[in-house]
């Protein structure tokens, strides 16, 4: 089963149907505040919607539930931060919005099939290979 990430979900939602403004606003809020402590209730208040209704509509429109969307958004941010070899993995986890290192490791492994350390090493190797082939 192919897992869609936040950017792929956005593209799919726009292609298949007009996205309701409240869902668009909720997604944008999640993306802009993913590094903060977020809850469905907090996002529902921002978009002026009942939390249960937002949860249902969010899943209908995006294809994933709120918690999964938030995890994927944080994962994408962490992937970008892992390019900086000077940042510690634990600092990246918290900068991306994960509440604990164990949660970060669990989500990261589920979404990438690699630990953050393995992902960083593979990305560094790929960059090195690209640089060598350009010479």
N, C-alpha and C. Protein backbone atom coordinates (compact mmCIF):
# COMPACT_ATOMS: atom_id res chain seq x y z
N UNK A 1 0.83 -1.18 0.00
CA UNK A 1 0.00 0.00 0.00
C UNK A 1 0.88 1.25 0.00
N UNK A 2 0.69 2.12 -0.96
CA UNK A 2 1.46 3.35 -1.05
C UNK A 2 0.90 4.36 -0.07
N UNK A 3 1.79 4.95 0.72
CA UNK A 3 1.36 5.96 1.67
C UNK A 3 1.52 7.33 1.04
N UNK A 4 0.50 8.14 1.12
CA UNK A 4 0.56 9.50 0.59
C UNK A 4 1.07 10.45 1.66
N UNK A 5 1.90 11.38 1.26
CA UNK A 5 2.39 12.39 2.18
C UNK A 5 1.57 13.66 1.99
N UNK A 6 1.76 14.61 2.87
CA UNK A 6 0.92 15.81 2.90
C UNK A 6 0.86 16.49 1.54
N UNK A 7 2.00 16.64 0.87
CA UNK A 7 1.99 17.32 -0.43
C UNK A 7 1.24 16.51 -1.48
N UNK A 8 1.35 15.19 -1.42
CA UNK A 8 0.61 14.34 -2.36
C UNK A 8 -0.89 14.39 -2.08
N UNK A 9 -1.25 14.46 -0.81
CA UNK A 9 -2.66 14.55 -0.43
C UNK A 9 -3.25 15.84 -0.97
N UNK A 10 -2.49 16.93 -0.83
CA UNK A 10 -2.96 18.22 -1.31
C UNK A 10 -3.21 18.17 -2.82
N UNK A 11 -2.28 17.61 -3.55
CA UNK A 11 -2.42 17.51 -5.00
C UNK A 11 -3.62 16.65 -5.36
N UNK A 12 -3.77 15.51 -4.70
CA UNK A 12 -4.89 14.61 -4.98
C UNK A 12 -6.22 15.27 -4.65
N UNK A 13 -6.28 16.00 -3.54
CA UNK A 13 -7.53 16.66 -3.15
C UNK A 13 -7.92 17.72 -4.17
N UNK A 14 -6.97 18.46 -4.66
CA UNK A 14 -7.26 19.52 -5.63
C UNK A 14 -7.68 18.94 -6.97
N UNK A 15 -7.07 17.84 -7.37
CA UNK A 15 -7.39 17.21 -8.65
C UNK A 15 -8.77 16.58 -8.65
N UNK A 16 -9.11 15.90 -7.57
CA UNK A 16 -10.33 15.10 -7.57
C UNK A 16 -11.59 15.92 -7.30
N UNK A 17 -11.49 16.98 -6.55
CA UNK A 17 -12.67 17.77 -6.21
C UNK A 17 -12.22 19.09 -5.58
N UNK A 18 -13.13 20.02 -5.56
CA UNK A 18 -12.83 21.28 -4.89
C UNK A 18 -12.76 21.03 -3.39
N UNK A 19 -11.69 21.45 -2.79
CA UNK A 19 -11.51 21.22 -1.36
C UNK A 19 -12.29 22.27 -0.57
N UNK A 20 -13.08 21.84 0.41
CA UNK A 20 -13.80 22.80 1.24
C UNK A 20 -12.82 23.75 1.94
N UNK A 21 -13.21 25.00 2.05
CA UNK A 21 -12.35 26.01 2.63
C UNK A 21 -11.91 25.64 4.05
N UNK A 22 -12.80 25.11 4.86
CA UNK A 22 -12.46 24.76 6.25
C UNK A 22 -11.38 23.69 6.30
N UNK A 23 -11.41 22.74 5.38
CA UNK A 23 -10.39 21.68 5.36
C UNK A 23 -9.07 22.26 4.88
N UNK A 24 -9.11 23.10 3.87
CA UNK A 24 -7.91 23.77 3.39
C UNK A 24 -7.28 24.59 4.53
N UNK A 25 -8.11 25.34 5.23
CA UNK A 25 -7.64 26.16 6.34
C UNK A 25 -7.06 25.29 7.45
N UNK A 26 -7.69 24.16 7.74
CA UNK A 26 -7.18 23.23 8.76
C UNK A 26 -5.82 22.68 8.34
N UNK A 27 -5.69 22.26 7.08
CA UNK A 27 -4.42 21.73 6.61
C UNK A 27 -3.32 22.77 6.68
N UNK A 28 -3.63 23.98 6.26
CA UNK A 28 -2.64 25.06 6.30
C UNK A 28 -2.22 25.35 7.75
N UNK A 29 -3.18 25.35 8.65
CA UNK A 29 -2.86 25.59 10.06
C UNK A 29 -1.95 24.48 10.59
N UNK A 30 -2.27 23.24 10.26
CA UNK A 30 -1.44 22.11 10.69
C UNK A 30 -0.02 22.28 10.16
N UNK A 31 0.11 22.58 8.87
CA UNK A 31 1.43 22.72 8.26
C UNK A 31 2.23 23.87 8.88
N UNK A 32 1.56 24.97 9.21
CA UNK A 32 2.25 26.13 9.78
C UNK A 32 2.56 25.96 11.27
N UNK A 33 1.83 25.09 11.96
CA UNK A 33 1.99 24.94 13.41
C UNK A 33 2.34 23.51 13.82
N UNK A 34 2.85 22.72 12.88
CA UNK A 34 3.15 21.31 13.16
C UNK A 34 4.19 21.14 14.26
N UNK A 35 5.04 22.14 14.44
CA UNK A 35 6.08 22.03 15.47
C UNK A 35 5.55 22.36 16.86
N UNK A 36 4.29 22.71 16.95
CA UNK A 36 3.66 23.01 18.24
C UNK A 36 2.81 21.81 18.67
N UNK A 37 2.36 21.84 19.91
CA UNK A 37 1.44 20.81 20.38
C UNK A 37 0.08 21.09 19.74
N UNK A 38 -0.40 20.15 18.95
CA UNK A 38 -1.67 20.32 18.25
C UNK A 38 -2.63 19.20 18.62
N UNK A 39 -3.89 19.56 18.66
CA UNK A 39 -4.95 18.57 18.87
C UNK A 39 -6.05 18.84 17.86
N UNK A 40 -6.86 17.84 17.64
CA UNK A 40 -8.00 18.00 16.75
C UNK A 40 -8.91 19.12 17.25
N UNK A 41 -9.11 19.17 18.55
CA UNK A 41 -9.96 20.21 19.14
C UNK A 41 -9.41 21.61 18.87
N UNK A 42 -8.11 21.77 19.01
CA UNK A 42 -7.49 23.09 18.77
C UNK A 42 -7.68 23.50 17.31
N UNK A 43 -7.43 22.59 16.38
CA UNK A 43 -7.58 22.91 14.96
C UNK A 43 -9.05 23.16 14.64
N UNK A 44 -9.95 22.39 15.23
CA UNK A 44 -11.39 22.60 15.01
C UNK A 44 -11.80 23.99 15.47
N UNK A 45 -11.27 24.44 16.59
CA UNK A 45 -11.58 25.79 17.07
C UNK A 45 -11.07 26.85 16.10
N UNK A 46 -9.90 26.62 15.52
CA UNK A 46 -9.33 27.58 14.57
C UNK A 46 -10.22 27.71 13.34
N UNK A 47 -10.77 26.60 12.88
CA UNK A 47 -11.61 26.64 11.68
C UNK A 47 -13.09 26.78 12.01
N UNK A 48 -13.38 26.96 13.30
CA UNK A 48 -14.75 27.21 13.75
C UNK A 48 -15.69 26.06 13.37
N UNK A 49 -15.28 24.85 13.76
CA UNK A 49 -16.04 23.65 13.40
C UNK A 49 -16.04 22.69 14.59
N UNK A 50 -17.05 21.89 14.70
CA UNK A 50 -17.10 20.84 15.72
C UNK A 50 -15.98 19.84 15.43
N UNK A 51 -15.28 19.40 16.47
CA UNK A 51 -14.14 18.50 16.30
C UNK A 51 -14.52 17.19 15.63
N UNK A 52 -15.64 16.60 16.03
CA UNK A 52 -16.06 15.34 15.41
C UNK A 52 -16.39 15.52 13.92
N UNK A 53 -17.05 16.62 13.61
CA UNK A 53 -17.39 16.89 12.21
C UNK A 53 -16.12 17.16 11.40
N UNK A 54 -15.19 17.92 11.97
CA UNK A 54 -13.92 18.17 11.28
C UNK A 54 -13.20 16.86 11.01
N UNK A 55 -13.17 16.00 12.00
CA UNK A 55 -12.51 14.71 11.85
C UNK A 55 -13.10 13.91 10.67
N UNK A 56 -14.41 13.85 10.60
CA UNK A 56 -15.09 13.13 9.51
C UNK A 56 -14.79 13.76 8.15
N UNK A 57 -14.96 15.06 8.07
CA UNK A 57 -14.74 15.77 6.80
C UNK A 57 -13.28 15.72 6.38
N UNK A 58 -12.38 15.84 7.34
CA UNK A 58 -10.95 15.83 7.04
C UNK A 58 -10.58 14.50 6.38
N UNK A 59 -11.06 13.42 6.94
CA UNK A 59 -10.78 12.08 6.40
C UNK A 59 -11.42 11.92 5.02
N UNK A 60 -12.65 12.38 4.85
CA UNK A 60 -13.33 12.28 3.55
C UNK A 60 -12.54 13.01 2.46
N UNK A 61 -12.07 14.19 2.78
CA UNK A 61 -11.41 15.04 1.78
C UNK A 61 -9.96 14.63 1.53
N UNK A 62 -9.21 14.36 2.59
CA UNK A 62 -7.78 14.08 2.42
C UNK A 62 -7.46 12.60 2.26
N UNK A 63 -8.35 11.75 2.73
CA UNK A 63 -8.09 10.32 2.66
C UNK A 63 -7.35 9.76 3.85
N UNK A 64 -6.93 10.63 4.76
CA UNK A 64 -6.27 10.19 6.00
C UNK A 64 -6.88 10.95 7.16
N UNK A 65 -6.75 10.37 8.35
CA UNK A 65 -7.30 11.07 9.51
C UNK A 65 -6.35 12.17 10.00
N UNK A 66 -6.84 12.97 10.90
CA UNK A 66 -6.09 14.11 11.43
C UNK A 66 -4.74 13.70 12.00
N UNK A 67 -4.71 12.68 12.82
CA UNK A 67 -3.47 12.25 13.48
C UNK A 67 -2.44 11.81 12.44
N UNK A 68 -2.87 11.07 11.43
CA UNK A 68 -1.96 10.62 10.38
C UNK A 68 -1.43 11.79 9.56
N UNK A 69 -2.29 12.73 9.24
CA UNK A 69 -1.87 13.91 8.48
C UNK A 69 -0.83 14.70 9.27
N UNK A 70 -1.07 14.88 10.54
CA UNK A 70 -0.13 15.60 11.40
C UNK A 70 1.21 14.86 11.46
N UNK A 71 1.17 13.55 11.62
CA UNK A 71 2.41 12.75 11.67
C UNK A 71 3.20 12.87 10.38
N UNK A 72 2.51 12.81 9.25
CA UNK A 72 3.19 12.92 7.95
C UNK A 72 3.77 14.31 7.73
N UNK A 73 3.06 15.33 8.18
CA UNK A 73 3.55 16.69 8.05
C UNK A 73 4.83 16.86 8.88
N UNK A 74 4.81 16.36 10.10
CA UNK A 74 5.99 16.43 10.96
C UNK A 74 7.14 15.60 10.39
N UNK A 75 6.81 14.44 9.83
CA UNK A 75 7.82 13.59 9.21
C UNK A 75 8.52 14.33 8.07
N UNK A 76 7.76 14.98 7.21
CA UNK A 76 8.34 15.72 6.09
C UNK A 76 9.27 16.82 6.57
N UNK A 77 8.87 17.51 7.63
CA UNK A 77 9.73 18.55 8.19
C UNK A 77 11.02 17.93 8.73
N UNK A 78 10.90 16.81 9.41
CA UNK A 78 12.07 16.13 9.97
C UNK A 78 13.02 15.69 8.86
N UNK A 79 12.48 15.19 7.76
CA UNK A 79 13.33 14.76 6.64
C UNK A 79 14.20 15.91 6.15
N UNK A 80 13.61 17.09 6.05
CA UNK A 80 14.38 18.26 5.63
C UNK A 80 15.46 18.63 6.64
N UNK A 81 15.14 18.51 7.91
CA UNK A 81 16.11 18.85 8.95
C UNK A 81 17.24 17.83 9.04
N UNK A 82 16.98 16.60 8.67
CA UNK A 82 18.01 15.57 8.74
C UNK A 82 19.16 15.82 7.77
N UNK A 83 18.96 16.68 6.79
CA UNK A 83 20.04 17.04 5.87
C UNK A 83 21.16 17.79 6.58
N UNK A 84 20.84 18.43 7.68
CA UNK A 84 21.84 19.18 8.45
C UNK A 84 22.52 18.23 9.44
N UNK A 85 23.71 17.79 9.10
CA UNK A 85 24.44 16.81 9.92
C UNK A 85 24.83 17.37 11.29
N UNK A 86 24.78 18.69 11.44
CA UNK A 86 25.14 19.31 12.72
C UNK A 86 24.02 19.21 13.75
N UNK A 87 22.80 18.92 13.30
CA UNK A 87 21.67 18.81 14.22
C UNK A 87 21.57 17.40 14.78
N UNK A 88 21.35 17.32 16.08
CA UNK A 88 21.16 16.00 16.70
C UNK A 88 19.76 15.49 16.37
N UNK A 89 19.65 14.17 16.30
CA UNK A 89 18.37 13.53 15.99
C UNK A 89 17.30 13.96 16.99
N UNK A 90 17.64 14.01 18.26
CA UNK A 90 16.66 14.40 19.28
C UNK A 90 16.20 15.84 19.08
N UNK A 91 17.11 16.73 18.69
CA UNK A 91 16.74 18.12 18.43
C UNK A 91 15.79 18.22 17.24
N UNK A 92 16.04 17.40 16.23
CA UNK A 92 15.19 17.37 15.05
C UNK A 92 13.79 16.89 15.42
N UNK A 93 13.72 15.85 16.23
CA UNK A 93 12.43 15.30 16.64
C UNK A 93 11.56 16.38 17.28
N UNK A 94 12.13 17.13 18.20
CA UNK A 94 11.35 18.15 18.90
C UNK A 94 11.09 19.37 18.01
N UNK A 95 12.05 19.71 17.14
CA UNK A 95 11.85 20.84 16.23
C UNK A 95 10.74 20.56 15.23
N UNK A 96 10.56 19.30 14.89
CA UNK A 96 9.49 18.91 13.95
C UNK A 96 8.14 18.80 14.64
N UNK A 97 8.12 18.82 15.97
CA UNK A 97 6.85 18.81 16.70
C UNK A 97 6.51 17.51 17.40
N UNK A 98 7.39 16.52 17.33
CA UNK A 98 7.11 15.27 18.02
C UNK A 98 7.25 15.48 19.52
N UNK A 99 6.39 14.82 20.28
CA UNK A 99 6.36 15.01 21.73
C UNK A 99 7.40 14.19 22.46
N UNK A 100 7.94 13.16 21.81
CA UNK A 100 8.98 12.34 22.43
C UNK A 100 9.85 11.74 21.34
N UNK A 101 11.04 11.35 21.74
CA UNK A 101 11.96 10.73 20.80
C UNK A 101 11.44 9.36 20.36
N UNK A 102 10.81 8.63 21.28
CA UNK A 102 10.28 7.32 20.91
C UNK A 102 9.14 7.45 19.90
N UNK A 103 8.28 8.45 20.07
CA UNK A 103 7.20 8.69 19.10
C UNK A 103 7.80 9.03 17.73
N UNK A 104 8.81 9.88 17.73
CA UNK A 104 9.49 10.27 16.49
C UNK A 104 10.07 9.04 15.78
N UNK A 105 10.80 8.23 16.53
CA UNK A 105 11.42 7.04 15.93
C UNK A 105 10.38 6.08 15.38
N UNK A 106 9.29 5.89 16.10
CA UNK A 106 8.23 4.99 15.69
C UNK A 106 7.56 5.48 14.39
N UNK A 107 7.21 6.74 14.36
CA UNK A 107 6.56 7.32 13.18
C UNK A 107 7.52 7.32 11.99
N UNK A 108 8.76 7.70 12.25
CA UNK A 108 9.73 7.77 11.17
C UNK A 108 9.95 6.40 10.53
N UNK A 109 10.10 5.39 11.37
CA UNK A 109 10.32 4.03 10.87
C UNK A 109 9.10 3.55 10.08
N UNK A 110 7.91 3.87 10.55
CA UNK A 110 6.68 3.45 9.87
C UNK A 110 6.56 4.11 8.50
N UNK A 111 6.93 5.38 8.40
CA UNK A 111 6.74 6.11 7.15
C UNK A 111 7.89 5.94 6.16
N UNK A 112 9.08 5.63 6.64
CA UNK A 112 10.22 5.53 5.72
C UNK A 112 10.86 4.16 5.67
N UNK A 113 10.46 3.27 6.57
CA UNK A 113 11.07 1.94 6.71
C UNK A 113 12.53 2.02 7.13
N UNK A 114 12.94 3.18 7.62
CA UNK A 114 14.30 3.37 8.12
C UNK A 114 14.23 4.16 9.42
N UNK A 115 15.25 4.00 10.24
CA UNK A 115 15.36 4.86 11.41
C UNK A 115 15.84 6.23 10.93
N UNK A 116 15.69 7.27 11.73
CA UNK A 116 16.22 8.58 11.32
C UNK A 116 17.72 8.54 11.02
N UNK A 117 18.47 7.78 11.79
CA UNK A 117 19.91 7.68 11.57
C UNK A 117 20.20 7.00 10.23
N UNK A 118 19.48 5.92 9.93
CA UNK A 118 19.66 5.24 8.65
C UNK A 118 19.26 6.14 7.48
N UNK A 119 18.18 6.88 7.67
CA UNK A 119 17.71 7.81 6.63
C UNK A 119 18.77 8.87 6.36
N UNK A 120 19.32 9.45 7.41
CA UNK A 120 20.35 10.48 7.28
C UNK A 120 21.58 9.92 6.55
N UNK A 121 22.00 8.72 6.93
CA UNK A 121 23.18 8.11 6.31
C UNK A 121 22.92 7.84 4.82
N UNK A 122 21.72 7.34 4.50
CA UNK A 122 21.39 7.06 3.10
C UNK A 122 21.34 8.35 2.29
N UNK A 123 20.77 9.39 2.86
CA UNK A 123 20.69 10.68 2.17
C UNK A 123 22.08 11.27 1.96
N UNK A 124 22.94 11.15 2.95
CA UNK A 124 24.31 11.66 2.83
C UNK A 124 25.07 10.88 1.76
N UNK A 125 24.86 9.57 1.73
CA UNK A 125 25.49 8.74 0.71
C UNK A 125 25.03 9.11 -0.69
N UNK A 126 23.74 9.36 -0.83
CA UNK A 126 23.19 9.74 -2.13
C UNK A 126 23.74 11.08 -2.58
N UNK A 127 23.87 12.03 -1.65
CA UNK A 127 24.45 13.34 -1.99
C UNK A 127 25.90 13.18 -2.42
N UNK A 128 26.64 12.33 -1.71
CA UNK A 128 28.04 12.09 -2.04
C UNK A 128 28.19 11.47 -3.41
N UNK A 129 27.33 10.51 -3.72
CA UNK A 129 27.38 9.87 -5.04
C UNK A 129 27.05 10.86 -6.15
N UNK A 130 26.08 11.74 -5.90
CA UNK A 130 25.71 12.75 -6.88
C UNK A 130 26.87 13.71 -7.13
N UNK A 131 27.55 14.13 -6.07
CA UNK A 131 28.66 15.05 -6.21
C UNK A 131 29.81 14.39 -6.98
N UNK A 132 30.09 13.14 -6.69
CA UNK A 132 31.17 12.42 -7.38
C UNK A 132 30.85 12.23 -8.85
N UNK A 133 29.61 11.97 -9.19
CA UNK A 133 29.25 11.74 -10.60
C UNK A 133 29.26 13.04 -11.40
N UNK A 134 29.12 14.18 -10.70
CA UNK A 134 29.14 15.47 -11.39
C UNK A 134 30.56 15.92 -11.73
N UNK A 135 31.55 15.30 -11.13
CA UNK A 135 32.94 15.70 -11.36
C UNK A 135 33.49 15.11 -12.61
